C-alpha atoms as a PDB file:
ATOM      1  CA  MET A   1     -24.919 -87.778 -79.819  1.00  0.00           C
ATOM      2  CA  LYS A   2     -27.698 -90.340 -80.210  1.00  0.00           C
ATOM      3  CA  LYS A   3     -30.740 -88.993 -82.083  1.00  0.00           C
ATOM      4  CA  ILE A   4     -34.237 -90.157 -83.040  1.00  0.00           C
ATOM      5  CA  ILE A   5     -34.576 -90.399 -86.824  1.00  0.00           C
ATOM      6  CA  ILE A   6     -38.091 -91.071 -88.126  1.00  0.00           C
ATOM      7  CA  SER A   7     -39.117 -91.911 -91.682  1.00  0.00           C
ATOM      8  CA  ASN A   8     -42.667 -91.060 -92.765  1.00  0.00           C
ATOM      9  CA  LEU A   9     -43.291 -92.854 -96.053  1.00  0.00           C
ATOM     10  CA  LYS A  10     -46.856 -91.528 -96.268  1.00  0.00           C
ATOM     11  CA  MET A  11     -48.832 -93.054 -99.185  1.00  0.00           C
ATOM     12  CA  ASN A  12     -45.921 -93.227-101.612  1.00  0.00           C
ATOM     13  CA  THR A  13     -45.055 -96.928-101.627  1.00  0.00           C
ATOM     14  CA  VAL A  14     -46.745-100.303-102.092  1.00  0.00           C
ATOM     15  CA  PRO A  15     -46.282-103.320 -99.799  1.00  0.00           C
ATOM     16  CA  SER A  16     -43.908-105.076-102.210  1.00  0.00           C
ATOM     17  CA  ASP A  17     -41.511-102.106-101.986  1.00  0.00           C
ATOM     18  CA  MET A  18     -40.863-102.852 -98.338  1.00  0.00           C
ATOM     19  CA  LYS A  19     -38.709-105.932 -98.877  1.00  0.00           C
ATOM     20  CA  SER A  20     -35.980-104.035-100.675  1.00  0.00           C
ATOM     21  CA  TYR A  21     -36.405-100.861 -98.593  1.00  0.00           C
ATOM     22  CA  SER A  22     -36.223-102.739 -95.289  1.00  0.00           C
ATOM     23  CA  MET A  23     -33.267-104.906 -96.259  1.00  0.00           C
ATOM     24  CA  GLN A  24     -31.271-101.969 -97.598  1.00  0.00           C
ATOM     25  CA  LEU A  25     -32.054 -99.736 -94.640  1.00  0.00           C
ATOM     26  CA  ALA A  26     -31.139-102.430 -92.116  1.00  0.00           C
ATOM     27  CA  THR A  27     -27.847-103.117 -93.905  1.00  0.00           C
ATOM     28  CA  LYS A  28     -26.882 -99.494 -94.481  1.00  0.00           C
ATOM     29  CA  THR A  29     -27.638 -98.397 -90.903  1.00  0.00           C
ATOM     30  CA  ALA A  30     -26.177-101.401 -89.093  1.00  0.00           C
ATOM     31  CA  GLY A  31     -24.162-100.212 -86.119  1.00  0.00           C
ATOM     32  CA  SER A  32     -25.853 -96.814 -85.933  1.00  0.00           C
ATOM     33  CA  LYS A  33     -26.404 -95.580 -82.389  1.00  0.00           C
ATOM     34  CA  ASN A  34     -29.476 -93.592 -83.411  1.00  0.00           C
ATOM     35  CA  ARG A  35     -33.028 -94.739 -82.750  1.00  0.00           C
ATOM     36  CA  ILE A  36     -34.498 -95.358 -86.216  1.00  0.00           C
ATOM     37  CA  ILE A  37     -38.257 -95.582 -86.773  1.00  0.00           C
ATOM     38  CA  VAL A  38     -40.003 -96.209 -90.089  1.00  0.00           C
ATOM     39  CA  CYS A  39     -43.653 -95.119 -90.197  1.00  0.00           C
ATOM     40  CA  MET A  40     -45.619 -96.769 -92.978  1.00  0.00           C
ATOM     41  CA  PRO A  41     -49.133 -97.592 -94.221  1.00  0.00           C
ATOM     42  CA  PHE A  42     -50.981-100.433 -92.474  1.00  0.00           C
ATOM     43  CA  THR A  43     -50.557-102.708 -95.507  1.00  0.00           C
ATOM     44  CA  HIS A  44     -46.762-102.702 -95.157  1.00  0.00           C
ATOM     45  CA  PHE A  45     -46.359-104.058 -91.615  1.00  0.00           C
ATOM     46  CA  HIS A  46     -46.110-107.756 -92.416  1.00  0.00           C
ATOM     47  CA  THR A  47     -43.381-107.422 -95.039  1.00  0.00           C
ATOM     48  CA  ALA A  48     -41.439-104.821 -93.066  1.00  0.00           C
ATOM     49  CA  LYS A  49     -41.533-106.921 -89.912  1.00  0.00           C
ATOM     50  CA  GLN A  50     -40.157-109.908 -91.791  1.00  0.00           C
ATOM     51  CA  PHE A  51     -37.157-108.064 -93.186  1.00  0.00           C
ATOM     52  CA  LEU A  52     -36.434-105.769 -90.240  1.00  0.00           C
ATOM     53  CA  ASP A  53     -36.415-108.664 -87.803  1.00  0.00           C
ATOM     54  CA  GLY A  54     -33.054-108.781 -86.077  1.00  0.00           C
ATOM     55  CA  SER A  55     -32.306-105.115 -86.720  1.00  0.00           C
ATOM     56  CA  LYS A  56     -32.829-102.259 -84.261  1.00  0.00           C
ATOM     57  CA  ILE A  57     -35.173-100.439 -86.642  1.00  0.00           C
ATOM     58  CA  GLU A  58     -38.670-100.010 -85.197  1.00  0.00           C
ATOM     59  CA  ILE A  59     -41.969 -99.953 -87.060  1.00  0.00           C
ATOM     60  CA  GLY A  60     -44.436 -97.092 -86.784  1.00  0.00           C
ATOM     61  CA  ALA A  61     -47.970 -96.547 -88.058  1.00  0.00           C
ATOM     62  CA  GLN A  62     -49.264 -93.312 -89.567  1.00  0.00           C
ATOM     63  CA  ASN A  63     -52.654 -93.265 -87.882  1.00  0.00           C
ATOM     64  CA  VAL A  64     -54.771 -94.958 -85.214  1.00  0.00           C
ATOM     65  CA  SER A  65     -58.443 -95.026 -84.282  1.00  0.00           C
ATOM     66  CA  ASP A  66     -59.651 -93.101 -81.244  1.00  0.00           C
ATOM     67  CA  GLU A  67     -61.753 -96.140 -80.280  1.00  0.00           C
ATOM     68  CA  GLU A  68     -60.700 -99.651 -79.348  1.00  0.00           C
ATOM     69  CA  ALA A  69     -63.531-101.685 -80.884  1.00  0.00           C
ATOM     70  CA  GLY A  70     -67.057-101.522 -82.239  1.00  0.00           C
ATOM     71  CA  LYS A  71     -68.778-100.355 -85.404  1.00  0.00           C
ATOM     72  CA  ASN A  72     -65.832 -98.541 -86.954  1.00  0.00           C
ATOM     73  CA  THR A  73     -65.522 -99.900 -90.474  1.00  0.00           C
ATOM     74  CA  GLY A  74     -62.174 -99.106 -92.036  1.00  0.00           C
ATOM     75  CA  GLU A  75     -60.495 -98.051 -88.777  1.00  0.00           C
ATOM     76  CA  ILE A  76     -57.437 -99.659 -87.176  1.00  0.00           C
ATOM     77  CA  SER A  77     -57.293 -99.868 -83.387  1.00  0.00           C
ATOM     78  CA  ALA A  78     -54.258 -99.438 -81.156  1.00  0.00           C
ATOM     79  CA  SER A  79     -54.389-103.082 -80.088  1.00  0.00           C
ATOM     80  CA  MET A  80     -54.423-104.163 -83.761  1.00  0.00           C
ATOM     81  CA  LEU A  81     -51.272-102.106 -84.325  1.00  0.00           C
ATOM     82  CA  LYS A  82     -49.614-103.532 -81.243  1.00  0.00           C
ATOM     83  CA  ASP A  83     -50.435-107.087 -82.297  1.00  0.00           C
ATOM     84  CA  SER A  84     -48.982-106.369 -85.763  1.00  0.00           C
ATOM     85  CA  GLY A  85     -45.564-105.604 -84.286  1.00  0.00           C
ATOM     86  CA  VAL A  86     -45.910-101.827 -84.344  1.00  0.00           C
ATOM     87  CA  SER A  87     -44.078 -99.818 -81.675  1.00  0.00           C
ATOM     88  CA  TYR A  88     -44.940 -96.225 -82.637  1.00  0.00           C
ATOM     89  CA  VAL A  89     -47.818 -94.305 -84.176  1.00  0.00           C
ATOM     90  CA  ILE A  90     -47.971 -90.777 -85.591  1.00  0.00           C
ATOM     91  CA  VAL A  91     -50.818 -88.750 -84.100  1.00  0.00           C
ATOM     92  CA  GLY A  92     -51.895 -85.253 -85.117  1.00  0.00           C
ATOM     93  CA  HIS A  93     -49.968 -84.988 -88.384  1.00  0.00           C
ATOM     94  CA  SER A  94     -50.807 -81.781 -90.235  1.00  0.00           C
ATOM     95  CA  GLU A  95     -52.231 -83.721 -93.185  1.00  0.00           C
ATOM     96  CA  ARG A  96     -54.661 -85.519 -90.879  1.00  0.00           C
ATOM     97  CA  ARG A  97     -55.635 -82.205 -89.325  1.00  0.00           C
ATOM     98  CA  SER A  98     -56.207 -80.401 -92.622  1.00  0.00           C
ATOM     99  CA  LYS A  99     -57.545 -83.032 -95.008  1.00  0.00           C
ATOM    100  CA  PHE A 100     -59.471 -85.154 -92.512  1.00  0.00           C
ATOM    101  CA  LYS A 101     -60.424 -82.300 -90.168  1.00  0.00           C
ATOM    102  CA  GLU A 102     -58.940 -83.916 -87.060  1.00  0.00           C
ATOM    103  CA  THR A 103     -59.342 -81.636 -84.063  1.00  0.00           C
ATOM    104  CA  ASP A 104     -57.164 -81.345 -80.978  1.00  0.00           C
ATOM    105  CA  ARG A 105     -59.953 -83.059 -79.038  1.00  0.00           C
ATOM    106  CA  LEU A 106     -59.871 -86.078 -81.377  1.00  0.00           C
ATOM    107  CA  ILE A 107     -56.077 -86.136 -81.332  1.00  0.00           C
ATOM    108  CA  ASN A 108     -56.173 -86.149 -77.532  1.00  0.00           C
ATOM    109  CA  LYS A 109     -58.441 -89.211 -77.638  1.00  0.00           C
ATOM    110  CA  LYS A 110     -56.134 -90.976 -80.102  1.00  0.00           C
ATOM    111  CA  LEU A 111     -53.122 -90.184 -77.943  1.00  0.00           C
ATOM    112  CA  LYS A 112     -54.784 -91.630 -74.842  1.00  0.00           C
ATOM    113  CA  MET A 113     -55.908 -94.735 -76.724  1.00  0.00           C
ATOM    114  CA  ALA A 114     -52.466 -95.414 -78.168  1.00  0.00           C
ATOM    115  CA  LEU A 115     -50.738 -94.987 -74.809  1.00  0.00           C
ATOM    116  CA  SER A 116     -53.278 -97.210 -73.071  1.00  0.00           C
ATOM    117  CA  GLN A 117     -52.336-100.056 -75.420  1.00  0.00           C
ATOM    118  CA  GLY A 118     -48.599 -99.654 -74.873  1.00  0.00           C
ATOM    119  CA  LEU A 119     -47.789 -97.826 -78.092  1.00  0.00           C
ATOM    120  CA  LYS A 120     -45.345 -94.931 -78.222  1.00  0.00           C
ATOM    121  CA  VAL A 121     -46.604 -91.791 -79.919  1.00  0.00           C
ATOM    122  CA  ILE A 122     -45.063 -89.266 -82.304  1.00  0.00           C
ATOM    123  CA  LEU A 123     -47.270 -86.255 -81.569  1.00  0.00           C
ATOM    124  CA  CYS A 124     -47.222 -83.532 -84.218  1.00  0.00           C
ATOM    125  CA  VAL A 125     -47.777 -79.822 -83.580  1.00  0.00           C
ATOM    126  CA  GLY A 126     -47.129 -76.802 -85.773  1.00  0.00           C
ATOM    127  CA  GLU A 127     -48.526 -73.666 -87.356  1.00  0.00           C
ATOM    128  CA  ASP A 128     -49.634 -72.786 -90.888  1.00  0.00           C
ATOM    129  CA  ARG A 129     -48.335 -69.873 -92.951  1.00  0.00           C
ATOM    130  CA  VAL A 130     -51.197 -67.474 -92.166  1.00  0.00           C
ATOM    131  CA  THR A 131     -50.789 -68.012 -88.430  1.00  0.00           C
ATOM    132  CA  ARG A 132     -47.055 -67.489 -88.723  1.00  0.00           C
ATOM    133  CA  GLU A 133     -47.359 -64.333 -90.828  1.00  0.00           C
ATOM    134  CA  ASN A 134     -49.820 -62.940 -88.264  1.00  0.00           C
ATOM    135  CA  LYS A 135     -47.200 -63.617 -85.564  1.00  0.00           C
ATOM    136  CA  GLY A 136     -49.485 -66.068 -83.813  1.00  0.00           C
ATOM    137  CA  ALA A 137     -47.309 -69.179 -84.132  1.00  0.00           C
ATOM    138  CA  CYS A 138     -46.166 -69.354 -80.511  1.00  0.00           C
ATOM    139  CA  GLN A 139     -49.641 -68.980 -79.029  1.00  0.00           C
ATOM    140  CA  PHE A 140     -51.048 -71.430 -81.600  1.00  0.00           C
ATOM    141  CA  VAL A 141     -48.556 -74.186 -80.729  1.00  0.00           C
ATOM    142  CA  LYS A 142     -48.980 -73.560 -76.989  1.00  0.00           C
ATOM    143  CA  LYS A 143     -52.739 -74.062 -77.321  1.00  0.00           C
ATOM    144  CA  GLN A 144     -52.222 -77.232 -79.368  1.00  0.00           C
ATOM    145  CA  LEU A 145     -50.041 -78.659 -76.600  1.00  0.00           C
ATOM    146  CA  ASP A 146     -52.476 -77.642 -73.872  1.00  0.00           C
ATOM    147  CA  ASP A 147     -55.389 -79.282 -75.666  1.00  0.00           C
ATOM    148  CA  VAL A 148     -53.791 -82.492 -76.937  1.00  0.00           C
ATOM    149  CA  LEU A 149     -52.068 -83.256 -73.615  1.00  0.00           C
ATOM    150  CA  LYS A 150     -55.172 -82.884 -71.442  1.00  0.00           C
ATOM    151  CA  GLY A 151     -55.400 -85.853 -69.080  1.00  0.00           C
ATOM    152  CA  ILE A 152     -51.942 -87.159 -69.986  1.00  0.00           C
ATOM    153  CA  TYR A 153     -49.824 -87.949 -66.923  1.00  0.00           C
ATOM    154  CA  GLU A 154     -46.208 -86.900 -66.620  1.00  0.00           C
ATOM    155  CA  ASN A 155     -44.913 -90.486 -66.586  1.00  0.00           C
ATOM    156  CA  GLU A 156     -46.727 -91.125 -69.883  1.00  0.00           C
ATOM    157  CA  LEU A 157     -44.592 -88.484 -71.594  1.00  0.00           C
ATOM    158  CA  GLU A 158     -41.757 -91.017 -71.569  1.00  0.00           C
ATOM    159  CA  SER A 159     -43.658 -92.661 -74.435  1.00  0.00           C
ATOM    160  CA  VAL A 160     -44.296 -89.439 -76.367  1.00  0.00           C
ATOM    161  CA  ILE A 161     -42.077 -87.740 -78.954  1.00  0.00           C
ATOM    162  CA  ILE A 162     -43.231 -84.256 -79.921  1.00  0.00           C
ATOM    163  CA  ALA A 163     -42.625 -83.445 -83.580  1.00  0.00           C
ATOM    164  CA  TYR A 164     -42.600 -79.755 -84.423  1.00  0.00           C
ATOM    165  CA  GLU A 165     -43.685 -79.530 -88.059  1.00  0.00           C
ATOM    166  CA  PRO A 166     -44.236 -76.022 -89.402  1.00  0.00           C
ATOM    167  CA  ILE A 167     -47.051 -76.735 -91.845  1.00  0.00           C
ATOM    168  CA  TRP A 168     -45.930 -73.983 -94.199  1.00  0.00           C
ATOM    169  CA  ALA A 169     -42.618 -75.761 -94.763  1.00  0.00           C
ATOM    170  CA  ILE A 170     -43.867 -79.274 -95.488  1.00  0.00           C
ATOM    171  CA  GLY A 171     -43.344 -80.309 -99.109  1.00  0.00           C
ATOM    172  CA  THR A 172     -42.118 -76.853-100.117  1.00  0.00           C
ATOM    173  CA  GLY A 173     -38.395 -77.453 -99.945  1.00  0.00           C
ATOM    174  CA  LYS A 174     -38.230 -74.644 -97.387  1.00  0.00           C
ATOM    175  CA  THR A 175     -37.361 -75.039 -93.717  1.00  0.00           C
ATOM    176  CA  ALA A 176     -37.627 -72.795 -90.722  1.00  0.00           C
ATOM    177  CA  THR A 177     -34.413 -70.980 -89.894  1.00  0.00           C
ATOM    178  CA  LEU A 178     -32.203 -72.493 -87.203  1.00  0.00           C
ATOM    179  CA  LYS A 179     -33.086 -69.544 -84.980  1.00  0.00           C
ATOM    180  CA  ASP A 180     -36.814 -70.098 -85.502  1.00  0.00           C
ATOM    181  CA  ILE A 181     -36.469 -73.822 -84.770  1.00  0.00           C
ATOM    182  CA  GLU A 182     -34.574 -73.103 -81.552  1.00  0.00           C
ATOM    183  CA  LYS A 183     -37.199 -70.572 -80.510  1.00  0.00           C
ATOM    184  CA  MET A 184     -40.132 -72.917 -81.110  1.00  0.00           C
ATOM    185  CA  VAL A 185     -38.476 -75.948 -79.521  1.00  0.00           C
ATOM    186  CA  GLY A 186     -37.647 -73.771 -76.521  1.00  0.00           C
ATOM    187  CA  LEU A 187     -41.296 -72.727 -76.329  1.00  0.00           C
ATOM    188  CA  ILE A 188     -42.437 -76.355 -76.500  1.00  0.00           C
ATOM    189  CA  ARG A 189     -40.124 -77.362 -73.665  1.00  0.00           C
ATOM    190  CA  LYS A 190     -41.196 -74.326 -71.625  1.00  0.00           C
ATOM    191  CA  GLU A 191     -44.868 -75.200 -72.083  1.00  0.00           C
ATOM    192  CA  ILE A 192     -44.234 -78.800 -71.024  1.00  0.00           C
ATOM    193  CA  ALA A 193     -42.523 -77.469 -67.901  1.00  0.00           C
ATOM    194  CA  TYR A 194     -45.558 -75.231 -67.265  1.00  0.00           C
ATOM    195  CA  LEU A 195     -48.040 -78.085 -67.735  1.00  0.00           C
ATOM    196  CA  TYR A 196     -46.018 -80.522 -65.619  1.00  0.00           C
ATOM    197  CA  ASN A 197     -42.810 -79.326 -63.912  1.00  0.00           C
ATOM    198  CA  ASP A 198     -39.305 -78.062 -64.633  1.00  0.00           C
ATOM    199  CA  LYS A 199     -37.810 -81.544 -64.422  1.00  0.00           C
ATOM    200  CA  THR A 200     -40.175 -83.144 -66.942  1.00  0.00           C
ATOM    201  CA  GLN A 201     -38.245 -84.756 -69.791  1.00  0.00           C
ATOM    202  CA  ILE A 202     -39.646 -84.767 -73.330  1.00  0.00           C
ATOM    203  CA  SER A 203     -38.140 -85.680 -76.690  1.00  0.00           C
ATOM    204  CA  VAL A 204     -38.636 -83.061 -79.427  1.00  0.00           C
ATOM    205  CA  VAL A 205     -37.859 -83.625 -83.119  1.00  0.00           C
ATOM    206  CA  TYR A 206     -38.207 -81.376 -86.159  1.00  0.00           C
ATOM    207  CA  GLY A 207     -40.121 -82.160 -89.335  1.00  0.00           C
ATOM    208  CA  GLY A 208     -40.272 -79.656 -92.164  1.00  0.00           C
ATOM    209  CA  SER A 209     -38.684 -80.416 -95.548  1.00  0.00           C
ATOM    210  CA  ILE A 210     -35.561 -82.042 -94.147  1.00  0.00           C
ATOM    211  CA  ASP A 211     -33.400 -83.437 -96.945  1.00  0.00           C
ATOM    212  CA  ILE A 212     -29.901 -84.698 -97.676  1.00  0.00           C
ATOM    213  CA  LYS A 213     -28.639 -81.120 -98.146  1.00  0.00           C
ATOM    214  CA  ASN A 214     -29.866 -79.524 -94.919  1.00  0.00           C
ATOM    215  CA  TYR A 215     -30.302 -82.381 -92.449  1.00  0.00           C
ATOM    216  CA  LYS A 216     -27.017 -82.158 -90.568  1.00  0.00           C
ATOM    217  CA  LYS A 217     -27.154 -78.513 -89.537  1.00  0.00           C
ATOM    218  CA  ILE A 218     -30.754 -78.949 -88.358  1.00  0.00           C
ATOM    219  CA  ILE A 219     -30.504 -82.245 -86.504  1.00  0.00           C
ATOM    220  CA  SER A 220     -27.210 -81.195 -84.916  1.00  0.00           C
ATOM    221  CA  LEU A 221     -28.977 -78.395 -83.019  1.00  0.00           C
ATOM    222  CA  PRO A 222     -28.495 -79.139 -79.282  1.00  0.00           C
ATOM    223  CA  CYS A 223     -32.176 -78.347 -78.602  1.00  0.00           C
ATOM    224  CA  LEU A 224     -33.373 -81.147 -80.906  1.00  0.00           C
ATOM    225  CA  ASP A 225     -33.553 -84.868 -80.235  1.00  0.00           C
ATOM    226  CA  GLY A 226     -33.888 -85.785 -83.904  1.00  0.00           C
ATOM    227  CA  ALA A 227     -36.016 -85.436 -87.010  1.00  0.00           C
ATOM    228  CA  LEU A 228     -39.211 -86.563 -88.728  1.00  0.00           C
ATOM    229  CA  VAL A 229     -38.237 -87.025 -92.391  1.00  0.00           C
ATOM    230  CA  GLY A 230     -40.907 -87.052 -95.102  1.00  0.00           C
ATOM    231  CA  GLY A 231     -40.125 -87.008 -98.814  1.00  0.00           C
ATOM    232  CA  ALA A 232     -36.383 -87.499 -98.351  1.00  0.00           C
ATOM    233  CA  SER A 233     -37.007 -90.824 -96.615  1.00  0.00           C
ATOM    234  CA  LEU A 234     -38.344 -92.362 -99.846  1.00  0.00           C
ATOM    235  CA  ASP A 235     -34.771 -92.578-101.148  1.00  0.00           C
ATOM    236  CA  VAL A 236     -33.360 -95.325 -98.946  1.00  0.00           C
ATOM    237  CA  ASP A 237     -29.775 -94.280 -99.712  1.00  0.00           C
ATOM    238  CA  ASN A 238     -30.346 -90.709 -98.597  1.00  0.00           C
ATOM    239  CA  PHE A 239     -32.397 -91.688 -95.572  1.00  0.00           C
ATOM    240  CA  SER A 240     -29.717 -94.186 -94.551  1.00  0.00           C
ATOM    241  CA  VAL A 241     -27.126 -91.421 -94.556  1.00  0.00           C
ATOM    242  CA  ILE A 242     -29.357 -89.262 -92.343  1.00  0.00           C
ATOM    243  CA  ALA A 243     -30.192 -92.173 -90.051  1.00  0.00           C
ATOM    244  CA  ARG A 244     -26.648 -93.410 -89.475  1.00  0.00           C
ATOM    245  CA  GLU A 245     -25.034 -89.979 -89.014  1.00  0.00           C
ATOM    246  CA  ASN A 246     -23.090 -89.498 -85.796  1.00  0.00           C
ATOM    247  CA  TYR A 247     -24.513 -86.255 -84.442  1.00  0.00           C
END
């Protein structure tokens, strides 16, 4: 079954790394039926585009401004990303929410801006450990979806991938149980049906310490459309195995 496999390199590489990474990834995943997306820092686009040209691998950004132009020193607009050859952008990642205090209202603005410029969006939702231990995870994620999808039309969801990333699992080497993943993905799909209708289609992927040891049993879950891979994507050999797997 065709899946969506997303690499999030975060701030762990330099632009010169992308020549080797891109060439190896393109070679090692040639013929894969999966949709492969590599999300990278802004500085990497030019090199990656050069060496991914001709492959089916798509380029994603890790952030976008909520405004299109103006006095926004240091920001990168959606149209800048589009003009740089970017197809996807991550919005609402837990690290942006926690470290940079991004709110659901801001994330909603970024989502609208990205979609208006023809970008596809990887929209992250997920709960922290305290919320989970207090048994508030389901209500927390439902509210995130309600708030970040305000004003988004049903047809626009064709350009949105929802990434469920339990914050408590990121970078810990721990993942949610298969049962917990199925429960939360089911809740996400149910909430989308509530906000729109029962026939609304949405792609949902999982991101939470996926690695070469656990990837297959997680991504093979029928409820999932793929995975958002963090640390494990830095090893191009391991990520290539995950990305070319026939699920």
